[in-house]
């Protein structure tokens, strides 16, 4: 998710597609009420650089933060499947970094 800093993890239910064609298609097929595990990759700062930024390789420090975020996301998936959505949202969505977010 380019709207989140590299390494930030958030769990969200619903929301718009934000121009993301994959989310646009999912929403068209099943509606917008689904869980999203959002993993931040950051933003290049300029809209005309987004495509190359998203498709390119991140710098080493950002890559490490993103890989760590993926690991944190994988660790909470069983709890999400077990119905602990609210607990996981509270854990991941803290803004103070207590949940390991950057």
PDB file of N, CA and C in Angstrom:
ATOM      1  N   UNK A   1       0.852  -1.172   0.000  1.00  0.00           N
ATOM      2  CA  UNK A   1       0.000   0.000   0.000  1.00  0.00           C
ATOM      3  C   UNK A   1       0.896   1.232   0.000  1.00  0.00           C
ATOM      4  N   UNK A   2       0.816   2.006  -1.045  1.00  0.00           N
ATOM      5  CA  UNK A   2       1.695   3.174  -1.156  1.00  0.00           C
ATOM      6  C   UNK A   2       1.257   4.330  -0.261  1.00  0.00           C
ATOM      7  N   UNK A   3       0.066   4.212   0.362  1.00  0.00           N
ATOM      8  CA  UNK A   3      -0.383   5.244   1.291  1.00  0.00           C
ATOM      9  C   UNK A   3       0.167   5.039   2.696  1.00  0.00           C
ATOM     10  N   UNK A   4       0.894   3.958   2.916  1.00  0.00           N
ATOM     11  CA  UNK A   4       1.516   3.676   4.213  1.00  0.00           C
ATOM     12  C   UNK A   4       3.035   3.646   4.040  1.00  0.00           C
ATOM     13  N   UNK A   5       3.723   4.072   5.065  1.00  0.00           N
ATOM     14  CA  UNK A   5       5.191   4.044   5.040  1.00  0.00           C
ATOM     15  C   UNK A   5       5.692   2.606   4.933  1.00  0.00           C
ATOM     16  N   UNK A   6       6.862   2.412   4.343  1.00  0.00           N
ATOM     17  CA  UNK A   6       7.404   1.059   4.238  1.00  0.00           C
ATOM     18  C   UNK A   6       7.481   0.374   5.601  1.00  0.00           C
ATOM     19  N   UNK A   7       6.921  -0.821   5.681  1.00  0.00           N
ATOM     20  CA  UNK A   7       6.973  -1.613   6.900  1.00  0.00           C
ATOM     21  C   UNK A   7       5.769  -1.484   7.812  1.00  0.00           C
ATOM     22  N   UNK A   8       4.874  -0.561   7.534  1.00  0.00           N
ATOM     23  CA  UNK A   8       3.674  -0.424   8.354  1.00  0.00           C
ATOM     24  C   UNK A   8       2.668  -1.485   7.929  1.00  0.00           C
ATOM     25  N   UNK A   9       2.001  -2.090   8.908  1.00  0.00           N
ATOM     26  CA  UNK A   9       0.976  -3.103   8.645  1.00  0.00           C
ATOM     27  C   UNK A   9      -0.327  -2.631   9.273  1.00  0.00           C
ATOM     28  N   UNK A  10      -1.405  -2.721   8.529  1.00  0.00           N
ATOM     29  CA  UNK A  10      -2.723  -2.352   9.023  1.00  0.00           C
ATOM     30  C   UNK A  10      -3.735  -3.391   8.548  1.00  0.00           C
ATOM     31  N   UNK A  11      -4.743  -3.627   9.377  1.00  0.00           N
ATOM     32  CA  UNK A  11      -5.857  -4.480   8.985  1.00  0.00           C
ATOM     33  C   UNK A  11      -7.081  -3.591   8.881  1.00  0.00           C
ATOM     34  N   UNK A  12      -7.816  -3.736   7.796  1.00  0.00           N
ATOM     35  CA  UNK A  12      -8.952  -2.862   7.517  1.00  0.00           C
ATOM     36  C   UNK A  12     -10.080  -3.679   6.903  1.00  0.00           C
ATOM     37  N   UNK A  13     -11.298  -3.310   7.220  1.00  0.00           N
ATOM     38  CA  UNK A  13     -12.461  -3.916   6.568  1.00  0.00           C
ATOM     39  C   UNK A  13     -13.077  -2.866   5.643  1.00  0.00           C
ATOM     40  N   UNK A  14     -13.316  -3.255   4.406  1.00  0.00           N
ATOM     41  CA  UNK A  14     -13.984  -2.383   3.458  1.00  0.00           C
ATOM     42  C   UNK A  14     -13.109  -1.236   2.982  1.00  0.00           C
ATOM     43  N   UNK A  15     -13.759  -0.278   2.354  1.00  0.00           N
ATOM     44  CA  UNK A  15     -13.060   0.885   1.811  1.00  0.00           C
ATOM     45  C   UNK A  15     -13.107   0.893   0.295  1.00  0.00           C
ATOM     46  N   UNK A  16     -12.687   1.987  -0.257  1.00  0.00           N
ATOM     47  CA  UNK A  16     -12.690   2.138  -1.711  1.00  0.00           C
ATOM     48  C   UNK A  16     -11.496   1.467  -2.357  1.00  0.00           C
ATOM     49  N   UNK A  17     -11.465   1.512  -3.676  1.00  0.00           N
ATOM     50  CA  UNK A  17     -10.370   0.864  -4.408  1.00  0.00           C
ATOM     51  C   UNK A  17      -9.168   1.779  -4.580  1.00  0.00           C
ATOM     52  N   UNK A  18      -9.333   3.086  -4.403  1.00  0.00           N
ATOM     53  CA  UNK A  18      -8.210   4.013  -4.495  1.00  0.00           C
ATOM     54  C   UNK A  18      -7.472   3.958  -5.822  1.00  0.00           C
ATOM     55  N   UNK A  19      -8.172   3.586  -6.889  1.00  0.00           N
ATOM     56  CA  UNK A  19      -7.529   3.513  -8.194  1.00  0.00           C
ATOM     57  C   UNK A  19      -6.806   2.207  -8.461  1.00  0.00           C
ATOM     58  N   UNK A  20      -6.818   1.297  -7.507  1.00  0.00           N
ATOM     59  CA  UNK A  20      -6.141   0.007  -7.651  1.00  0.00           C
ATOM     60  C   UNK A  20      -7.061  -0.926  -8.439  1.00  0.00           C
ATOM     61  N   UNK A  21      -6.623  -1.318  -9.619  1.00  0.00           N
ATOM     62  CA  UNK A  21      -7.482  -2.118 -10.492  1.00  0.00           C
ATOM     63  C   UNK A  21      -7.832  -3.485  -9.910  1.00  0.00           C
ATOM     64  N   UNK A  22      -6.912  -4.082  -9.185  1.00  0.00           N
ATOM     65  CA  UNK A  22      -7.207  -5.371  -8.557  1.00  0.00           C
ATOM     66  C   UNK A  22      -8.313  -5.236  -7.521  1.00  0.00           C
ATOM     67  N   UNK A  23      -8.217  -4.204  -6.678  1.00  0.00           N
ATOM     68  CA  UNK A  23      -9.266  -3.973  -5.687  1.00  0.00           C
ATOM     69  C   UNK A  23     -10.579  -3.579  -6.353  1.00  0.00           C
ATOM     70  N   UNK A  24     -10.489  -2.847  -7.430  1.00  0.00           N
ATOM     71  CA  UNK A  24     -11.692  -2.461  -8.180  1.00  0.00           C
ATOM     72  C   UNK A  24     -12.429  -3.718  -8.656  1.00  0.00           C
ATOM     73  N   UNK A  25     -11.680  -4.684  -9.183  1.00  0.00           N
ATOM     74  CA  UNK A  25     -12.283  -5.911  -9.686  1.00  0.00           C
ATOM     75  C   UNK A  25     -12.859  -6.748  -8.547  1.00  0.00           C
ATOM     76  N   UNK A  26     -12.115  -6.878  -7.453  1.00  0.00           N
ATOM     77  CA  UNK A  26     -12.612  -7.645  -6.301  1.00  0.00           C
ATOM     78  C   UNK A  26     -13.913  -7.042  -5.794  1.00  0.00           C
ATOM     79  N   UNK A  27     -13.928  -5.720  -5.638  1.00  0.00           N
ATOM     80  CA  UNK A  27     -15.127  -5.036  -5.159  1.00  0.00           C
ATOM     81  C   UNK A  27     -16.300  -5.240  -6.110  1.00  0.00           C
ATOM     82  N   UNK A  28     -16.038  -5.209  -7.401  1.00  0.00           N
ATOM     83  CA  UNK A  28     -17.096  -5.426  -8.386  1.00  0.00           C
ATOM     84  C   UNK A  28     -17.656  -6.848  -8.295  1.00  0.00           C
ATOM     85  N   UNK A  29     -16.806  -7.809  -7.947  1.00  0.00           N
ATOM     86  CA  UNK A  29     -17.223  -9.207  -7.904  1.00  0.00           C
ATOM     87  C   UNK A  29     -17.901  -9.591  -6.591  1.00  0.00           C
ATOM     88  N   UNK A  30     -17.362  -9.118  -5.464  1.00  0.00           N
ATOM     89  CA  UNK A  30     -17.883  -9.594  -4.170  1.00  0.00           C
ATOM     90  C   UNK A  30     -18.387  -8.473  -3.262  1.00  0.00           C
ATOM     91  N   UNK A  31     -18.278  -7.237  -3.706  1.00  0.00           N
ATOM     92  CA  UNK A  31     -18.663  -6.126  -2.843  1.00  0.00           C
ATOM     93  C   UNK A  31     -17.468  -5.641  -2.047  1.00  0.00           C
ATOM     94  N   UNK A  32     -17.669  -4.593  -1.287  1.00  0.00           N
ATOM     95  CA  UNK A  32     -16.547  -3.971  -0.597  1.00  0.00           C
ATOM     96  C   UNK A  32     -16.331  -4.397   0.837  1.00  0.00           C
ATOM     97  N   UNK A  33     -17.140  -5.331   1.341  1.00  0.00           N
ATOM     98  CA  UNK A  33     -17.024  -5.717   2.745  1.00  0.00           C
ATOM     99  C   UNK A  33     -16.112  -6.935   2.902  1.00  0.00           C
ATOM    100  N   UNK A  34     -14.812  -6.702   2.782  1.00  0.00           N
ATOM    101  CA  UNK A  34     -13.840  -7.768   2.984  1.00  0.00           C
ATOM    102  C   UNK A  34     -12.646  -7.196   3.743  1.00  0.00           C
ATOM    103  N   UNK A  35     -11.898  -8.079   4.385  1.00  0.00           N
ATOM    104  CA  UNK A  35     -10.718  -7.657   5.145  1.00  0.00           C
ATOM    105  C   UNK A  35      -9.544  -7.436   4.212  1.00  0.00           C
ATOM    106  N   UNK A  36      -8.751  -6.428   4.548  1.00  0.00           N
ATOM    107  CA  UNK A  36      -7.536  -6.134   3.798  1.00  0.00           C
ATOM    108  C   UNK A  36      -6.367  -6.064   4.774  1.00  0.00           C
ATOM    109  N   UNK A  37      -5.365  -6.832   4.521  1.00  0.00           N
ATOM    110  CA  UNK A  37      -4.123  -6.713   5.264  1.00  0.00           C
ATOM    111  C   UNK A  37      -3.233  -5.806   4.433  1.00  0.00           C
ATOM    112  N   UNK A  38      -3.107  -4.583   4.877  1.00  0.00           N
ATOM    113  CA  UNK A  38      -2.378  -3.558   4.117  1.00  0.00           C
ATOM    114  C   UNK A  38      -0.921  -3.523   4.583  1.00  0.00           C
ATOM    115  N   UNK A  39       0.000  -3.578   3.660  1.00  0.00           N
ATOM    116  CA  UNK A  39       1.429  -3.527   3.964  1.00  0.00           C
ATOM    117  C   UNK A  39       2.015  -2.336   3.215  1.00  0.00           C
ATOM    118  N   UNK A  40       2.587  -1.423   3.972  1.00  0.00           N
ATOM    119  CA  UNK A  40       3.096  -0.189   3.393  1.00  0.00           C
ATOM    120  C   UNK A  40       4.359  -0.377   2.579  1.00  0.00           C
ATOM    121  N   UNK A  41       4.385   0.313   1.435  1.00  0.00           N
ATOM    122  CA  UNK A  41       5.589   0.349   0.599  1.00  0.00           C
ATOM    123  C   UNK A  41       6.075   1.785   0.416  1.00  0.00           C
ATOM    124  N   UNK A  42       5.287   2.759   0.904  1.00  0.00           N
ATOM    125  CA  UNK A  42       5.660   4.161   0.754  1.00  0.00           C
ATOM    126  C   UNK A  42       5.237   4.717  -0.596  1.00  0.00           C
ATOM    127  N   UNK A  43       5.552   5.959  -0.802  1.00  0.00           N
ATOM    128  CA  UNK A  43       5.174   6.692  -2.017  1.00  0.00           C
ATOM    129  C   UNK A  43       6.402   7.446  -2.520  1.00  0.00           C
ATOM    130  N   UNK A  44       6.576   7.529  -3.830  1.00  0.00           N
ATOM    131  CA  UNK A  44       7.762   8.209  -4.360  1.00  0.00           C
ATOM    132  C   UNK A  44       7.731   9.726  -4.195  1.00  0.00           C
ATOM    133  N   UNK A  45       6.563  10.278  -3.876  1.00  0.00           N
ATOM    134  CA  UNK A  45       6.468  11.721  -3.694  1.00  0.00           C
ATOM    135  C   UNK A  45       5.869  12.454  -4.869  1.00  0.00           C
ATOM    136  N   UNK A  46       5.872  11.822  -6.031  1.00  0.00           N
ATOM    137  CA  UNK A  46       5.332  12.449  -7.237  1.00  0.00           C
ATOM    138  C   UNK A  46       4.496  11.418  -7.987  1.00  0.00           C
ATOM    139  N   UNK A  47       3.295  11.822  -8.411  1.00  0.00           N
ATOM    140  CA  UNK A  47       2.386  10.897  -9.085  1.00  0.00           C
ATOM    141  C   UNK A  47       2.982  10.308 -10.365  1.00  0.00           C
ATOM    142  N   UNK A  48       3.809  11.065 -11.059  1.00  0.00           N
ATOM    143  CA  UNK A  48       4.371  10.563 -12.313  1.00  0.00           C
ATOM    144  C   UNK A  48       5.468   9.517 -12.098  1.00  0.00           C
ATOM    145  N   UNK A  49       5.875   9.284 -10.853  1.00  0.00           N
ATOM    146  CA  UNK A  49       6.898   8.284 -10.546  1.00  0.00           C
ATOM    147  C   UNK A  49       6.311   7.003  -9.956  1.00  0.00           C
ATOM    148  N   UNK A  50       4.990   6.969  -9.764  1.00  0.00           N
ATOM    149  CA  UNK A  50       4.366   5.854  -9.050  1.00  0.00           C
ATOM    150  C   UNK A  50       4.598   4.515  -9.740  1.00  0.00           C
ATOM    151  N   UNK A  51       4.389   4.418 -11.045  1.00  0.00           N
ATOM    152  CA  UNK A  51       4.498   3.133 -11.738  1.00  0.00           C
ATOM    153  C   UNK A  51       5.897   2.547 -11.568  1.00  0.00           C
ATOM    154  N   UNK A  52       6.925   3.331 -11.847  1.00  0.00           N
ATOM    155  CA  UNK A  52       8.294   2.826 -11.699  1.00  0.00           C
ATOM    156  C   UNK A  52       8.607   2.486 -10.247  1.00  0.00           C
ATOM    157  N   UNK A  53       8.086   3.283  -9.325  1.00  0.00           N
ATOM    158  CA  UNK A  53       8.319   3.052  -7.900  1.00  0.00           C
ATOM    159  C   UNK A  53       7.699   1.726  -7.467  1.00  0.00           C
ATOM    160  N   UNK A  54       6.447   1.505  -7.826  1.00  0.00           N
ATOM    161  CA  UNK A  54       5.738   0.292  -7.400  1.00  0.00           C
ATOM    162  C   UNK A  54       6.330  -0.948  -8.055  1.00  0.00           C
ATOM    163  N   UNK A  55       6.732  -0.845  -9.311  1.00  0.00           N
ATOM    164  CA  UNK A  55       7.247  -2.006 -10.030  1.00  0.00           C
ATOM    165  C   UNK A  55       8.748  -2.220  -9.842  1.00  0.00           C
ATOM    166  N   UNK A  56       9.433  -1.219  -9.288  1.00  0.00           N
ATOM    167  CA  UNK A  56      10.871  -1.322  -9.098  1.00  0.00           C
ATOM    168  C   UNK A  56      11.247  -1.997  -7.794  1.00  0.00           C
ATOM    169  N   UNK A  57      12.534  -2.126  -7.580  1.00  0.00           N
ATOM    170  CA  UNK A  57      13.056  -2.701  -6.340  1.00  0.00           C
ATOM    171  C   UNK A  57      13.285  -1.594  -5.318  1.00  0.00           C
ATOM    172  N   UNK A  58      12.794  -1.799  -4.097  1.00  0.00           N
ATOM    173  CA  UNK A  58      12.999  -0.775  -3.070  1.00  0.00           C
ATOM    174  C   UNK A  58      14.447  -0.779  -2.582  1.00  0.00           C
ATOM    175  N   UNK A  59      14.887   0.339  -2.016  1.00  0.00           N
ATOM    176  CA  UNK A  59      16.215   0.352  -1.386  1.00  0.00           C
ATOM    177  C   UNK A  59      16.277  -0.705  -0.276  1.00  0.00           C
ATOM    178  N   UNK A  60      17.471  -1.138   0.054  1.00  0.00           N
ATOM    179  CA  UNK A  60      17.664  -2.249   0.995  1.00  0.00           C
ATOM    180  C   UNK A  60      16.934  -2.039   2.326  1.00  0.00           C
ATOM    181  N   UNK A  61      17.022  -0.866   2.910  1.00  0.00           N
ATOM    182  CA  UNK A  61      16.377  -0.622   4.212  1.00  0.00           C
ATOM    183  C   UNK A  61      14.861  -0.727   4.099  1.00  0.00           C
ATOM    184  N   UNK A  62      14.311  -0.198   3.017  1.00  0.00           N
ATOM    185  CA  UNK A  62      12.860  -0.282   2.821  1.00  0.00           C
ATOM    186  C   UNK A  62      12.445  -1.713   2.523  1.00  0.00           C
ATOM    187  N   UNK A  63      13.245  -2.420   1.749  1.00  0.00           N
ATOM    188  CA  UNK A  63      12.944  -3.822   1.443  1.00  0.00           C
ATOM    189  C   UNK A  63      12.908  -4.640   2.733  1.00  0.00           C
ATOM    190  N   UNK A  64      13.859  -4.402   3.610  1.00  0.00           N
ATOM    191  CA  UNK A  64      13.900  -5.112   4.887  1.00  0.00           C
ATOM    192  C   UNK A  64      12.655  -4.807   5.716  1.00  0.00           C
ATOM    193  N   UNK A  65      12.240  -3.548   5.748  1.00  0.00           N
ATOM    194  CA  UNK A  65      11.043  -3.156   6.500  1.00  0.00           C
ATOM    195  C   UNK A  65       9.796  -3.808   5.913  1.00  0.00           C
ATOM    196  N   UNK A  66       9.718  -3.871   4.592  1.00  0.00           N
ATOM    197  CA  UNK A  66       8.563  -4.489   3.926  1.00  0.00           C
ATOM    198  C   UNK A  66       8.541  -5.990   4.190  1.00  0.00           C
ATOM    199  N   UNK A  67       9.696  -6.638   4.097  1.00  0.00           N
ATOM    200  CA  UNK A  67       9.759  -8.073   4.369  1.00  0.00           C
ATOM    201  C   UNK A  67       9.366  -8.379   5.810  1.00  0.00           C
ATOM    202  N   UNK A  68       9.799  -7.528   6.756  1.00  0.00           N
ATOM    203  CA  UNK A  68       9.419  -7.683   8.160  1.00  0.00           C
ATOM    204  C   UNK A  68       7.908  -7.523   8.317  1.00  0.00           C
ATOM    205  N   UNK A  69       7.329  -6.582   7.599  1.00  0.00           N
ATOM    206  CA  UNK A  69       5.880  -6.361   7.655  1.00  0.00           C
ATOM    207  C   UNK A  69       5.124  -7.576   7.122  1.00  0.00           C
ATOM    208  N   UNK A  70       5.628  -8.171   6.051  1.00  0.00           N
ATOM    209  CA  UNK A  70       4.998  -9.373   5.511  1.00  0.00           C
ATOM    210  C   UNK A  70       5.025 -10.482   6.556  1.00  0.00           C
ATOM    211  N   UNK A  71       6.144 -10.648   7.238  1.00  0.00           N
ATOM    212  CA  UNK A  71       6.253 -11.661   8.294  1.00  0.00           C
ATOM    213  C   UNK A  71       5.252 -11.397   9.416  1.00  0.00           C
ATOM    214  N   UNK A  72       5.130 -10.136   9.845  1.00  0.00           N
ATOM    215  CA  UNK A  72       4.159  -9.799  10.892  1.00  0.00           C
ATOM    216  C   UNK A  72       2.739 -10.080  10.418  1.00  0.00           C
ATOM    217  N   UNK A  73       2.472  -9.789   9.148  1.00  0.00           N
ATOM    218  CA  UNK A  73       1.160 -10.079   8.594  1.00  0.00           C
ATOM    219  C   UNK A  73       0.861 -11.568   8.577  1.00  0.00           C
ATOM    220  N   UNK A  74       1.844 -12.367   8.188  1.00  0.00           N
ATOM    221  CA  UNK A  74       1.654 -13.821   8.157  1.00  0.00           C
ATOM    222  C   UNK A  74       1.391 -14.383   9.552  1.00  0.00           C
ATOM    223  N   UNK A  75       2.034 -13.817  10.549  1.00  0.00           N
ATOM    224  CA  UNK A  75       1.860 -14.304  11.927  1.00  0.00           C
ATOM    225  C   UNK A  75       0.450 -14.091  12.447  1.00  0.00           C
ATOM    226  N   UNK A  76      -0.233 -13.044  11.990  1.00  0.00           N
ATOM    227  CA  UNK A  76      -1.578 -12.764  12.508  1.00  0.00           C
ATOM    228  C   UNK A  76      -2.691 -13.424  11.689  1.00  0.00           C
ATOM    229  N   UNK A  77      -2.369 -13.989  10.532  1.00  0.00           N
ATOM    230  CA  UNK A  77      -3.410 -14.590   9.694  1.00  0.00           C
ATOM    231  C   UNK A  77      -4.213 -15.677  10.409  1.00  0.00           C
ATOM    232  N   UNK A  78      -3.603 -16.583  11.167  1.00  0.00           N
ATOM    233  CA  UNK A  78      -4.424 -17.586  11.858  1.00  0.00           C
ATOM    234  C   UNK A  78      -5.440 -16.948  12.809  1.00  0.00           C
ATOM    235  N   UNK A  79      -5.056 -15.927  13.523  1.00  0.00           N
ATOM    236  CA  UNK A  79      -5.985 -15.260  14.442  1.00  0.00           C
ATOM    237  C   UNK A  79      -7.114 -14.575  13.682  1.00  0.00           C
ATOM    238  N   UNK A  80      -6.810 -14.019  12.530  1.00  0.00           N
ATOM    239  CA  UNK A  80      -7.847 -13.391  11.703  1.00  0.00           C
ATOM    240  C   UNK A  80      -8.845 -14.449  11.243  1.00  0.00           C
ATOM    241  N   UNK A  81      -8.343 -15.580  10.773  1.00  0.00           N
ATOM    242  CA  UNK A  81      -9.203 -16.670  10.307  1.00  0.00           C
ATOM    243  C   UNK A  81     -10.068 -17.199  11.451  1.00  0.00           C
ATOM    244  N   UNK A  82      -9.527 -17.182  12.663  1.00  0.00           N
ATOM    245  CA  UNK A  82     -10.273 -17.655  13.840  1.00  0.00           C
ATOM    246  C   UNK A  82     -11.302 -16.634  14.329  1.00  0.00           C
ATOM    247  N   UNK A  83     -11.402 -15.496  13.660  1.00  0.00           N
ATOM    248  CA  UNK A  83     -12.416 -14.518  14.030  1.00  0.00           C
ATOM    249  C   UNK A  83     -11.961 -13.444  14.998  1.00  0.00           C
ATOM    250  N   UNK A  84     -10.668 -13.316  15.183  1.00  0.00           N
ATOM    251  CA  UNK A  84     -10.134 -12.322  16.116  1.00  0.00           C
ATOM    252  C   UNK A  84      -9.799 -11.009  15.412  1.00  0.00           C
ATOM    253  N   UNK A  85     -10.599 -10.663  14.445  1.00  0.00           N
ATOM    254  CA  UNK A  85     -10.385  -9.474  13.624  1.00  0.00           C
ATOM    255  C   UNK A  85     -10.193  -8.215  14.464  1.00  0.00           C
ATOM    256  N   UNK A  86     -11.076  -7.983  15.434  1.00  0.00           N
ATOM    257  CA  UNK A  86     -10.994  -6.760  16.245  1.00  0.00           C
ATOM    258  C   UNK A  86      -9.699  -6.703  17.038  1.00  0.00           C
ATOM    259  N   UNK A  87      -9.295  -7.819  17.622  1.00  0.00           N
ATOM    260  CA  UNK A  87      -8.050  -7.856  18.394  1.00  0.00           C
ATOM    261  C   UNK A  87      -6.842  -7.563  17.513  1.00  0.00           C
ATOM    262  N   UNK A  88      -6.836  -8.153  16.338  1.00  0.00           N
ATOM    263  CA  UNK A  88      -5.708  -7.952  15.428  1.00  0.00           C
ATOM    264  C   UNK A  88      -5.686  -6.512  14.929  1.00  0.00           C
ATOM    265  N   UNK A  89      -6.860  -5.954  14.642  1.00  0.00           N
ATOM    266  CA  UNK A  89      -6.904  -4.539  14.232  1.00  0.00           C
ATOM    267  C   UNK A  89      -6.317  -3.661  15.328  1.00  0.00           C
ATOM    268  N   UNK A  90      -6.718  -3.909  16.568  1.00  0.00           N
ATOM    269  CA  UNK A  90      -6.182  -3.118  17.684  1.00  0.00           C
ATOM    270  C   UNK A  90      -4.674  -3.275  17.797  1.00  0.00           C
ATOM    271  N   UNK A  91      -4.191  -4.480  17.596  1.00  0.00           N
ATOM    272  CA  UNK A  91      -2.751  -4.741  17.695  1.00  0.00           C
ATOM    273  C   UNK A  91      -1.987  -4.056  16.559  1.00  0.00           C
ATOM    274  N   UNK A  92      -2.439  -4.238  15.329  1.00  0.00           N
ATOM    275  CA  UNK A  92      -1.697  -3.738  14.175  1.00  0.00           C
ATOM    276  C   UNK A  92      -1.889  -2.248  13.925  1.00  0.00           C
ATOM    277  N   UNK A  93      -3.051  -1.728  14.222  1.00  0.00           N
ATOM    278  CA  UNK A  93      -3.380  -0.379  13.801  1.00  0.00           C
ATOM    279  C   UNK A  93      -2.966   0.702  14.789  1.00  0.00           C
ATOM    280  N   UNK A  94      -2.259   0.329  15.833  1.00  0.00           N
ATOM    281  CA  UNK A  94      -1.738   1.334  16.764  1.00  0.00           C
ATOM    282  C   UNK A  94      -0.792   2.267  16.038  1.00  0.00           C
ATOM    283  N   UNK A  95      -0.861   3.525  16.387  1.00  0.00           N
ATOM    284  CA  UNK A  95      -0.008   4.535  15.748  1.00  0.00           C
ATOM    285  C   UNK A  95       1.301   4.747  16.515  1.00  0.00           C
ATOM    286  N   UNK A  96       1.401   4.166  17.717  1.00  0.00           N
ATOM    287  CA  UNK A  96       2.576   4.454  18.554  1.00  0.00           C
ATOM    288  C   UNK A  96       3.743   3.510  18.324  1.00  0.00           C
ATOM    289  N   UNK A  97       3.577   2.582  17.412  1.00  0.00           N
ATOM    290  CA  UNK A  97       4.670   1.643  17.129  1.00  0.00           C
ATOM    291  C   UNK A  97       4.728   0.468  18.068  1.00  0.00           C
ATOM    292  N   UNK A  98       3.811   0.390  19.039  1.00  0.00           N
ATOM    293  CA  UNK A  98       3.852  -0.677  20.027  1.00  0.00           C
ATOM    294  C   UNK A  98       3.632  -2.050  19.412  1.00  0.00           C
ATOM    295  N   UNK A  99       2.974  -2.094  18.280  1.00  0.00           N
ATOM    296  CA  UNK A  99       2.715  -3.377  17.632  1.00  0.00           C
ATOM    297  C   UNK A  99       3.794  -3.741  16.626  1.00  0.00           C
ATOM    298  N   UNK A 100       4.874  -2.992  16.605  1.00  0.00           N
ATOM    299  CA  UNK A 100       5.958  -3.288  15.676  1.00  0.00           C
ATOM    300  C   UNK A 100       5.831  -2.550  14.364  1.00  0.00           C
ATOM    301  N   UNK A 101       4.877  -1.632  14.249  1.00  0.00           N
ATOM    302  CA  UNK A 101       4.758  -0.846  13.031  1.00  0.00           C
ATOM    303  C   UNK A 101       5.827   0.214  13.011  1.00  0.00           C
ATOM    304  N   UNK A 102       6.209   0.577  11.836  1.00  0.00           N
ATOM    305  CA  UNK A 102       7.232   1.610  11.662  1.00  0.00           C
ATOM    306  C   UNK A 102       6.584   2.968  11.533  1.00  0.00           C
TER     307      UNK A 102
END
